[in-house]
Amino acid sequence: MRQFTLKQLRYFVVAGQLCSVTRASKQLYVSQPSISAAIQQIEEETGVQLFVRHHAQGLTLTPAGQQLLGRARQLLDEAERLEKFAATLGEEVRGELRLLAFPSFAPLFLPDLLHRFSQRYPAVRLFCDEMTQTDLFDCLADGSYELAFTYDLGVHSNMEFTPLYRFPPYAVVAKDHPLASHDSIRLEQLVRFPMVLLDWSLSREYFLSIFSHHGLTPTIAHRVKSMDMLRGLVANGLGFSLFNTPLTAFEPAGSRALKALALEDEAQALTAGMARSRTAQFSPGAEAIYSLAHELGKPSHEIFRTQSVC
């Protein structure tokens, strides 16, 4: 069984980031032979070369080294969070916790998570607001909120994103729409009908890119700013739309039903998960809900439901 320690991985990561064993030694206050030995141990355990050594000119990561560096950094970050969370065990988690959620994702995941969290940590005062993607990242950056539940659209470089679910897009029509007899559909069939577009920044671009990727342009009959309006217009036969969260996450509008149609063409799935500022210091409450959300989530699990909603 291949084994190496977190300490060895840390030595490798710092040497890789600085492209030098000498500079890594100075930063870590560790001898150069110790860092070289750690790198050699990882190379022997993995069976791959991680660096190209240049005499008197430092190191260059190999392609395999670059891949391992990215995964090692993730692992070390997770280990640090685990250490902080473990330090709170046996102590009551309390204080205030401010969360954000993207509106279409919030009803799918947040109510159950917040209920479970409140039962487990009753001393924490929870505040959860909904915002669109741009505002959401701004609020994380300025420190007014600790954690956001959202999609991997336009994630800023100063944000860390942890995936929970994958949501492939699909078409939605009214139960009596001419396409409702289908269970799956091609984009070229959809564009013959008017579209109702969710006109949020980034969401708008994402849904339209699904068509443009295949050289198609839908006829947009209505642009809406809420899921309720989107659902209501579609249910009343005023156009099709694209969703990427399960229909069962929403109640139907009026007495009409919606029919979900799988897309037969290639279409990029969105990943939903948790975002946080890379520079933020997590409170014990944030660490606790982060761990609980990761426990409940299903990384890379794709969700799509084709049944009608009545």
Protein backbone atom coordinates (compact mmCIF):
# COMPACT_ATOMS: atom_id res chain seq x y z
CA MET A 1 0.00 0.00 0.00
CA ARG A 2 1.39 3.40 -1.00
CA GLN A 3 1.88 5.69 1.96
CA PHE A 4 3.23 9.18 2.58
CA THR A 5 2.49 11.69 5.30
CA LEU A 6 0.77 15.05 5.31
CA LYS A 7 4.11 16.56 6.36
CA GLN A 8 5.79 15.11 3.28
CA LEU A 9 2.98 16.43 1.09
CA ARG A 10 3.36 19.87 2.67
CA TYR A 11 7.11 19.87 1.92
CA PHE A 12 6.37 18.85 -1.69
CA VAL A 13 3.68 21.54 -2.13
CA VAL A 14 5.87 24.37 -0.82
CA ALA A 15 8.84 23.23 -2.91
CA GLY A 16 6.57 23.01 -5.96
CA GLN A 17 5.09 26.46 -5.39
CA LEU A 18 8.51 28.05 -4.90
CA CYS A 19 10.27 25.89 -7.54
CA SER A 20 13.13 25.48 -5.12
CA VAL A 21 14.14 23.19 -2.27
CA THR A 22 16.35 25.98 -0.89
CA ARG A 23 13.55 28.53 -0.70
CA ALA A 24 11.16 25.92 0.69
CA SER A 25 13.70 25.10 3.39
CA LYS A 26 13.86 28.74 4.44
CA GLN A 27 10.09 29.20 4.44
CA LEU A 28 9.38 26.01 6.39
CA TYR A 29 12.43 26.26 8.70
CA VAL A 30 13.30 22.69 7.73
CA SER A 31 16.60 21.33 6.43
CA GLN A 32 17.01 20.92 2.68
CA PRO A 33 17.79 17.17 3.00
CA SER A 34 14.47 16.67 4.83
CA ILE A 35 12.52 18.29 1.97
CA SER A 36 14.50 16.40 -0.68
CA ALA A 37 13.90 13.13 1.18
CA ALA A 38 10.15 13.84 1.39
CA ILE A 39 9.95 14.49 -2.36
CA GLN A 40 11.95 11.34 -3.11
CA GLN A 41 9.67 9.28 -0.84
CA ILE A 42 6.54 10.51 -2.67
CA GLU A 43 8.13 9.82 -6.06
CA GLU A 44 9.05 6.29 -4.97
CA GLU A 45 5.56 5.62 -3.59
CA THR A 46 3.75 6.99 -6.65
CA GLY A 47 6.22 5.70 -9.21
CA VAL A 48 6.26 9.01 -11.10
CA GLN A 49 8.76 11.84 -11.43
CA LEU A 50 7.41 15.03 -9.82
CA PHE A 51 10.18 17.48 -10.70
CA VAL A 52 12.79 18.15 -13.31
CA ARG A 53 15.95 19.12 -11.40
CA HIS A 54 18.03 21.95 -12.83
CA HIS A 55 21.56 22.30 -11.48
CA ALA A 56 21.76 25.57 -9.52
CA GLN A 57 18.48 26.70 -11.12
CA GLY A 58 15.87 25.08 -8.92
CA LEU A 59 13.02 22.77 -9.88
CA THR A 60 10.32 22.53 -12.54
CA LEU A 61 7.17 20.51 -11.95
CA THR A 62 6.46 17.72 -14.42
CA PRO A 63 2.86 17.39 -15.73
CA ALA A 64 2.31 14.63 -13.15
CA GLY A 65 3.80 16.87 -10.48
CA GLN A 66 1.43 19.70 -11.39
CA GLN A 67 -1.57 17.37 -11.07
CA LEU A 68 -0.43 16.03 -7.73
CA LEU A 69 0.31 19.54 -6.46
CA GLY A 70 -3.30 20.62 -7.07
CA ARG A 71 -4.75 17.57 -5.31
CA ALA A 72 -2.24 17.81 -2.46
CA ARG A 73 -3.19 21.43 -1.81
CA GLN A 74 -6.85 20.43 -1.60
CA LEU A 75 -6.01 17.63 0.81
CA LEU A 76 -3.90 19.89 3.03
CA ASP A 77 -6.66 22.51 3.11
CA GLU A 78 -9.18 19.84 4.10
CA ALA A 79 -6.82 18.50 6.78
CA GLU A 80 -6.47 22.01 8.22
CA ARG A 81 -10.24 22.42 8.36
CA LEU A 82 -10.60 19.03 10.00
CA GLU A 83 -8.02 19.97 12.62
CA LYS A 84 -9.88 23.19 13.42
CA PHE A 85 -13.21 21.39 13.58
CA ALA A 86 -11.81 18.64 15.81
CA ALA A 87 -10.61 21.30 18.22
CA THR A 88 -14.24 22.35 18.76
CA LEU A 89 -15.46 18.84 19.64
CA GLY A 90 -16.50 18.60 23.24
CA GLU A 91 -17.26 22.32 23.26
CA GLU A 92 -20.62 23.84 22.46
CA VAL A 93 -20.66 25.47 19.01
CA ARG A 94 -22.35 28.83 19.40
CA GLY A 95 -22.42 32.33 17.97
CA GLU A 96 -23.81 33.78 14.73
CA LEU A 97 -23.56 32.15 11.30
CA ARG A 98 -24.42 34.09 8.14
CA LEU A 99 -25.02 32.06 4.97
CA LEU A 100 -25.93 32.80 1.36
CA ALA A 101 -27.67 30.71 -1.28
CA PHE A 102 -28.39 30.96 -4.99
CA PRO A 103 -32.21 31.11 -5.35
CA SER A 104 -32.74 28.09 -7.61
CA PHE A 105 -30.45 25.90 -5.50
CA ALA A 106 -31.68 27.04 -2.06
CA PRO A 107 -35.04 25.20 -1.89
CA LEU A 108 -33.46 21.95 -3.04
CA PHE A 109 -30.83 21.57 -0.34
CA LEU A 110 -30.90 24.30 2.30
CA PRO A 111 -34.14 23.65 4.28
CA ASP A 112 -33.13 20.11 5.24
CA LEU A 113 -29.53 21.15 5.95
CA LEU A 114 -30.52 24.08 8.14
CA HIS A 115 -33.05 21.93 10.02
CA ARG A 116 -30.44 19.26 10.77
CA PHE A 117 -27.86 21.85 11.72
CA SER A 118 -30.25 23.63 14.11
CA GLN A 119 -31.04 20.34 15.83
CA ARG A 120 -27.35 19.48 16.21
CA TYR A 121 -26.13 22.99 17.14
CA PRO A 122 -29.06 24.82 18.80
CA ALA A 123 -26.81 27.53 20.27
CA VAL A 124 -25.90 28.89 16.80
CA ARG A 125 -27.98 31.81 15.47
CA LEU A 126 -28.52 31.14 11.76
CA PHE A 127 -29.09 33.79 9.09
CA CYS A 128 -29.52 32.72 5.46
CA ASP A 129 -30.16 35.07 2.54
CA GLU A 130 -30.66 34.46 -1.21
CA MET A 131 -28.67 36.39 -3.82
CA THR A 132 -27.69 36.13 -7.45
CA GLN A 133 -24.19 34.98 -8.28
CA THR A 134 -22.42 38.33 -8.65
CA ASP A 135 -23.78 39.79 -5.40
CA LEU A 136 -23.16 36.52 -3.62
CA PHE A 137 -19.42 36.50 -4.34
CA ASP A 138 -19.11 40.19 -3.45
CA CYS A 139 -20.64 39.54 -0.03
CA LEU A 140 -18.32 36.62 0.61
CA ALA A 141 -15.32 38.74 -0.37
CA ASP A 142 -16.19 41.59 1.99
CA GLY A 143 -16.68 39.18 4.90
CA SER A 144 -20.35 39.95 5.58
CA TYR A 145 -21.18 36.25 5.01
CA GLU A 146 -19.04 33.17 5.68
CA LEU A 147 -20.32 30.52 3.29
CA ALA A 148 -22.49 30.34 0.17
CA PHE A 149 -24.36 27.48 -1.46
CA THR A 150 -24.31 28.07 -5.19
CA TYR A 151 -23.11 26.91 -8.63
CA ASP A 152 -19.68 26.85 -10.22
CA LEU A 153 -20.56 29.76 -12.52
CA GLY A 154 -18.11 32.66 -12.54
CA VAL A 155 -16.32 31.58 -9.36
CA HIS A 156 -13.78 34.26 -8.49
CA SER A 157 -10.11 33.30 -8.18
CA ASN A 158 -10.17 34.40 -4.53
CA MET A 159 -12.93 31.87 -3.78
CA GLU A 160 -12.66 28.22 -2.84
CA PHE A 161 -15.41 25.99 -4.25
CA THR A 162 -16.35 22.54 -2.88
CA PRO A 163 -18.66 20.47 -5.17
CA LEU A 164 -21.73 18.69 -3.83
CA TYR A 165 -24.05 17.86 -6.76
CA ARG A 166 -24.06 17.94 -10.56
CA PHE A 167 -27.19 19.16 -12.33
CA PRO A 168 -27.49 18.49 -16.08
CA PRO A 169 -29.85 20.90 -17.86
CA TYR A 170 -33.16 19.77 -19.33
CA ALA A 171 -36.14 21.32 -21.10
CA VAL A 172 -39.48 22.04 -19.45
CA VAL A 173 -42.84 22.43 -21.22
CA ALA A 174 -46.50 22.55 -20.26
CA LYS A 175 -48.37 19.25 -20.04
CA ASP A 176 -50.37 20.15 -23.17
CA HIS A 177 -47.40 21.53 -25.16
CA PRO A 178 -46.87 19.91 -28.61
CA LEU A 179 -43.57 18.46 -27.34
CA ALA A 180 -45.01 17.04 -24.11
CA SER A 181 -45.45 13.58 -25.64
CA HIS A 182 -41.65 13.23 -25.74
CA ASP A 183 -39.41 12.07 -22.90
CA SER A 184 -36.30 13.51 -24.55
CA ILE A 185 -35.76 16.20 -27.15
CA ARG A 186 -33.18 17.68 -29.48
CA LEU A 187 -32.32 21.37 -29.27
CA GLU A 188 -33.22 21.90 -32.92
CA GLN A 189 -36.75 20.75 -32.10
CA LEU A 190 -36.98 23.16 -29.15
CA VAL A 191 -35.95 26.27 -31.08
CA ARG A 192 -39.04 25.95 -33.30
CA PHE A 193 -41.00 27.18 -30.27
CA PRO A 194 -40.71 30.37 -28.17
CA MET A 195 -38.55 30.30 -25.05
CA VAL A 196 -39.06 31.72 -21.56
CA LEU A 197 -35.62 32.74 -20.28
CA LEU A 198 -34.48 33.09 -16.66
CA ASP A 199 -32.83 36.49 -17.01
CA TRP A 200 -30.30 36.38 -14.17
CA SER A 201 -26.70 37.30 -14.86
CA LEU A 202 -24.58 34.19 -15.59
CA SER A 203 -27.69 31.97 -15.58
CA ARG A 204 -28.82 33.75 -18.75
CA GLU A 205 -25.46 33.27 -20.41
CA TYR A 206 -25.27 29.63 -19.31
CA PHE A 207 -28.65 28.60 -20.75
CA LEU A 208 -28.13 30.49 -24.03
CA SER A 209 -24.65 28.95 -24.42
CA ILE A 210 -26.26 25.51 -24.56
CA PHE A 211 -27.90 26.53 -27.83
CA SER A 212 -25.01 28.58 -29.25
CA HIS A 213 -22.64 25.64 -28.69
CA HIS A 214 -24.69 23.81 -31.34
CA GLY A 215 -25.05 26.84 -33.64
CA LEU A 216 -28.66 27.51 -32.61
CA THR A 217 -30.44 30.65 -31.40
CA PRO A 218 -33.76 30.36 -29.54
CA THR A 219 -36.58 32.87 -29.97
CA ILE A 220 -36.98 34.48 -26.55
CA ALA A 221 -40.60 35.38 -25.96
CA HIS A 222 -40.31 36.33 -22.27
CA ARG A 223 -37.48 37.24 -19.90
CA VAL A 224 -38.23 36.72 -16.21
CA LYS A 225 -36.51 37.39 -12.91
CA SER A 226 -38.14 34.78 -10.67
CA MET A 227 -38.60 31.02 -10.74
CA ASP A 228 -42.30 31.45 -9.90
CA MET A 229 -42.87 33.62 -12.98
CA LEU A 230 -40.79 31.29 -15.15
CA ARG A 231 -42.73 28.26 -14.00
CA GLY A 232 -46.08 30.02 -14.38
CA LEU A 233 -45.46 31.18 -17.96
CA VAL A 234 -44.24 27.73 -19.02
CA ALA A 235 -47.13 25.94 -17.29
CA ASN A 236 -49.59 28.18 -19.14
CA GLY A 237 -48.15 27.31 -22.54
CA LEU A 238 -46.30 30.57 -23.25
CA GLY A 239 -43.03 28.86 -24.12
CA PHE A 240 -40.52 26.22 -23.12
CA SER A 241 -37.63 26.85 -20.76
CA LEU A 242 -34.46 25.17 -19.53
CA PHE A 243 -34.03 24.07 -15.93
CA ASN A 244 -31.13 22.38 -14.19
CA THR A 245 -32.67 21.61 -10.79
CA PRO A 246 -35.29 18.85 -10.31
CA LEU A 247 -38.90 19.80 -10.88
CA THR A 248 -39.73 18.20 -7.53
CA ALA A 249 -37.89 21.08 -5.84
CA PHE A 250 -40.77 23.40 -6.79
CA GLU A 251 -44.53 23.51 -6.38
CA PRO A 252 -46.49 23.87 -9.64
CA ALA A 253 -48.12 27.12 -10.66
CA GLY A 254 -51.91 26.99 -10.56
CA SER A 255 -53.45 23.70 -11.56
CA ARG A 256 -51.26 23.13 -14.61
CA ALA A 257 -48.45 20.58 -14.73
CA LEU A 258 -44.94 20.78 -16.12
CA LYS A 259 -43.22 18.09 -18.15
CA ALA A 260 -39.44 17.65 -18.08
CA LEU A 261 -37.65 16.54 -21.27
CA ALA A 262 -34.09 15.23 -21.24
CA LEU A 263 -31.77 16.90 -23.77
CA GLU A 264 -30.39 14.53 -26.38
CA ASP A 265 -27.65 16.98 -27.40
CA GLU A 266 -24.46 17.49 -25.43
CA ALA A 267 -24.99 20.14 -22.74
CA GLN A 268 -22.73 21.23 -19.93
CA ALA A 269 -23.93 20.24 -16.45
CA LEU A 270 -23.58 22.70 -13.59
CA THR A 271 -21.99 21.70 -10.31
CA ALA A 272 -23.63 22.96 -7.14
CA GLY A 273 -21.65 23.26 -3.96
CA MET A 274 -20.20 25.54 -1.31
CA ALA A 275 -18.13 28.67 -1.87
CA ARG A 276 -16.02 30.57 0.64
CA SER A 277 -13.33 33.23 0.55
CA ARG A 278 -9.81 31.79 0.48
CA THR A 279 -8.68 34.40 2.98
CA ALA A 280 -11.57 34.01 5.44
CA GLN A 281 -11.13 32.38 8.85
CA PHE A 282 -13.99 29.96 9.42
CA SER A 283 -15.91 30.25 12.68
CA PRO A 284 -16.73 26.98 14.55
CA GLY A 285 -20.31 27.25 13.27
CA ALA A 286 -19.14 27.60 9.66
CA GLU A 287 -16.82 24.63 10.08
CA ALA A 288 -19.70 22.60 11.49
CA ILE A 289 -22.17 23.36 8.69
CA TYR A 290 -19.45 22.86 6.07
CA SER A 291 -18.80 19.37 7.44
CA LEU A 292 -22.52 18.57 7.70
CA ALA A 293 -23.21 19.74 4.14
CA HIS A 294 -20.33 17.64 2.84
CA GLU A 295 -21.68 14.67 4.78
CA LEU A 296 -25.15 15.05 3.24
CA GLY A 297 -24.00 15.95 -0.27
CA LYS A 298 -23.18 13.56 -3.08
CA PRO A 299 -20.13 14.88 -4.97
CA SER A 300 -20.42 14.47 -8.76
CA HIS A 301 -23.87 12.85 -8.41
CA GLU A 302 -26.09 13.89 -11.32
CA ILE A 303 -29.71 14.72 -10.59
CA PHE A 304 -32.43 14.73 -13.24
CA ARG A 305 -36.07 13.78 -12.92
CA THR A 306 -38.33 13.39 -15.91
CA GLN A 307 -41.67 12.95 -14.19
CA SER A 308 -44.44 15.53 -14.48
CA VAL A 309 -45.23 17.68 -11.48
CA CYS A 310 -48.92 17.91 -10.67
